[in-house]
Structures are given as C-alpha cells and as structure tokens.
Amino acid sequence: MKYLLNLSIAALLLTALTGCISINGSHNWDGDNWETNQEKNRKAISELAVGTERSAVLLRLATPSFSEAFVKDGEEYTVLFYRTHHSNSDGETTKDETTPLIFKNDKLIGWGAEVLASLL
C-alpha cells in the first residue's frame, strides 16, 4: 500500500513539474522577429563593399536563407541569399523574399537579382 502511495505521489509530482516548450518556427535564434531580422539584413547589405571576403560577410550576416555555387569560365561563384523583404504570409522564406549576394572566388562582386541574372 505504501508503495502505491509513493508511486502515485511521484507520478503527480512529475506531472506537475513538466513544462511546456514553445518554438515559434521563425528561426530567429537571436530573439528578434522576422521583420527586425529583415531590417538588419537590409542595413548590413547596404553597408557592404564590393571586394569584401565571403568569410567577413558570413560573420556579419550569419547563415543565409539559401546558398548556391557554380563554376563559369573557370571561376567559382557562390551566391548567398538573405531574407530582406516580405511577400507572402505563409511561414516560409522563398527566394523572392531574399537578396542574393554574389561572390567570385570568395570576394563579393555585387548583390541583387539583376547582378545575378547578368551572370547566368
């Protein structure tokens, strides 16, 4: 009988001590909302200079929403896509909501959809 009583108390305590975890799915690990992150990305991109090393951009802007790489005429290109504007309230970031940063041999050569299109 004492065993059942102790087991019941332990079960009750475990239930009472259980917490809830909520993940908002925004992937904003620094605590900012998506609007604030977009604004920060736009500001940081506007302050970039052509010729900046890719590693320096990654330190400043962190992980991009998307990335791609290709070789053209023997030159290596990397494209990092950062969310900078909002199109649809669907909870997902799509490429049309990003600004591409284009690197040639790990040096920034430009940003924006038109710059990327000119290379393709």
Protein backbone atom coordinates (compact mmCIF):
# COMPACT_ATOMS: atom_id res chain seq x y z
CA MET A 1 0.00 0.00 0.00
CA LYS A 2 2.81 2.39 0.91
CA TYR A 3 4.50 1.56 -2.41
CA LEU A 4 1.35 2.54 -4.36
CA LEU A 5 1.05 5.77 -2.40
CA ASN A 6 4.69 6.69 -3.11
CA LEU A 7 4.26 5.81 -6.79
CA SER A 8 1.12 7.97 -7.03
CA ILE A 9 2.85 10.91 -5.37
CA ALA A 10 5.87 10.56 -7.66
CA ALA A 11 3.61 10.46 -10.74
CA LEU A 12 1.72 13.52 -9.53
CA LEU A 13 4.95 15.44 -8.90
CA LEU A 14 6.36 14.52 -12.30
CA THR A 15 3.19 15.70 -13.98
CA ALA A 16 3.21 18.96 -12.03
CA LEU A 17 6.88 19.61 -12.83
CA THR A 18 6.52 19.02 -16.55
CA GLY A 19 6.93 22.25 -18.52
CA CYS A 20 5.92 23.31 -21.98
CA ILE A 21 8.30 24.31 -24.72
CA SER A 22 7.12 26.60 -27.49
CA ILE A 23 9.03 27.04 -30.74
CA ASN A 24 7.73 29.76 -33.00
CA GLY A 25 9.38 28.41 -36.13
CA SER A 26 10.85 31.76 -37.14
CA HIS A 27 14.47 30.57 -36.84
CA ASN A 28 15.42 33.87 -35.23
CA TRP A 29 17.74 32.46 -32.63
CA ASP A 30 18.84 35.93 -31.53
CA GLY A 31 15.34 36.67 -30.25
CA ASP A 32 14.33 39.11 -32.99
CA ASN A 33 11.24 38.68 -35.12
CA TRP A 34 11.41 38.22 -38.90
CA GLU A 35 10.70 41.90 -39.56
CA THR A 36 13.61 43.00 -37.38
CA ASN A 37 15.93 40.43 -38.99
CA GLN A 38 14.93 41.62 -42.47
CA GLU A 39 15.70 45.20 -41.47
CA LYS A 40 19.07 44.17 -40.01
CA ASN A 41 19.90 42.25 -43.20
CA ARG A 42 18.97 45.21 -45.43
CA LYS A 43 21.09 47.56 -43.30
CA ALA A 44 24.09 45.21 -43.25
CA ILE A 45 23.89 44.61 -47.02
CA SER A 46 23.70 48.35 -47.72
CA GLU A 47 26.95 48.78 -45.77
CA LEU A 48 28.87 46.10 -47.67
CA ALA A 49 31.67 46.95 -50.06
CA VAL A 50 32.49 45.16 -53.29
CA GLY A 51 35.60 43.07 -52.69
CA THR A 52 34.63 42.01 -49.15
CA GLU A 53 35.69 38.45 -48.32
CA ARG A 54 32.87 35.91 -48.07
CA SER A 55 34.02 34.92 -44.56
CA ALA A 56 33.62 38.54 -43.38
CA VAL A 57 30.10 38.70 -44.82
CA LEU A 58 29.19 35.44 -43.08
CA LEU A 59 30.45 36.83 -39.78
CA ARG A 60 28.32 39.95 -40.22
CA LEU A 61 25.14 38.38 -41.63
CA ALA A 62 25.39 34.80 -40.29
CA THR A 63 23.68 31.90 -42.03
CA PRO A 64 21.88 32.73 -45.28
CA SER A 65 18.37 31.54 -46.08
CA PHE A 66 19.71 29.77 -49.21
CA SER A 67 23.06 29.30 -50.89
CA GLU A 68 24.18 28.14 -54.30
CA ALA A 69 27.50 27.73 -56.09
CA PHE A 70 28.61 27.24 -59.68
CA VAL A 71 31.65 27.43 -61.92
CA LYS A 72 31.61 29.57 -65.04
CA ASP A 73 34.61 30.11 -67.34
CA GLY A 74 36.86 28.53 -64.73
CA GLU A 75 35.78 30.95 -61.99
CA GLU A 76 33.99 29.81 -58.83
CA TYR A 77 30.83 31.69 -57.89
CA THR A 78 28.95 31.45 -54.60
CA VAL A 79 25.56 33.05 -54.07
CA LEU A 80 24.21 33.65 -50.56
CA PHE A 81 20.53 34.62 -50.30
CA TYR A 82 19.47 36.72 -47.29
CA ARG A 83 15.86 37.49 -46.44
CA THR A 84 15.29 41.22 -46.90
CA HIS A 85 11.60 41.64 -47.69
CA HIS A 86 8.20 40.02 -47.22
CA SER A 87 5.97 38.64 -49.97
CA ASN A 88 3.62 36.02 -48.54
CA SER A 89 2.47 35.28 -45.01
CA ASP A 90 2.95 31.56 -45.39
CA GLY A 91 5.55 31.00 -42.68
CA GLU A 92 8.22 30.10 -45.24
CA THR A 93 11.05 32.12 -46.72
CA THR A 94 11.24 31.90 -50.50
CA LYS A 95 13.94 33.18 -52.83
CA ASP A 96 11.71 36.03 -53.99
CA GLU A 97 11.92 37.36 -50.41
CA THR A 98 15.72 37.42 -50.43
CA THR A 99 18.58 39.46 -51.80
CA PRO A 100 21.38 37.45 -53.43
CA LEU A 101 25.00 38.30 -52.58
CA ILE A 102 27.31 37.14 -55.35
CA PHE A 103 30.92 36.13 -54.71
CA LYS A 104 33.55 35.35 -57.32
CA ASN A 105 36.44 33.33 -55.90
CA ASP A 106 35.24 34.25 -52.37
CA LYS A 107 35.19 38.03 -53.00
CA LEU A 108 31.92 39.97 -53.12
CA ILE A 109 31.31 41.22 -56.66
CA GLY A 110 27.77 42.53 -56.18
CA TRP A 111 24.28 41.90 -54.88
CA GLY A 112 20.75 41.87 -56.20
CA ALA A 113 18.70 39.84 -58.65
CA GLU A 114 19.87 41.85 -61.68
CA VAL A 115 23.53 41.24 -60.90
CA LEU A 116 22.88 37.53 -60.52
CA ALA A 117 20.85 37.39 -63.74
CA SER A 118 23.69 39.05 -65.64
CA LEU A 119 25.98 36.15 -64.72
CA LEU A 120 23.63 33.38 -65.76
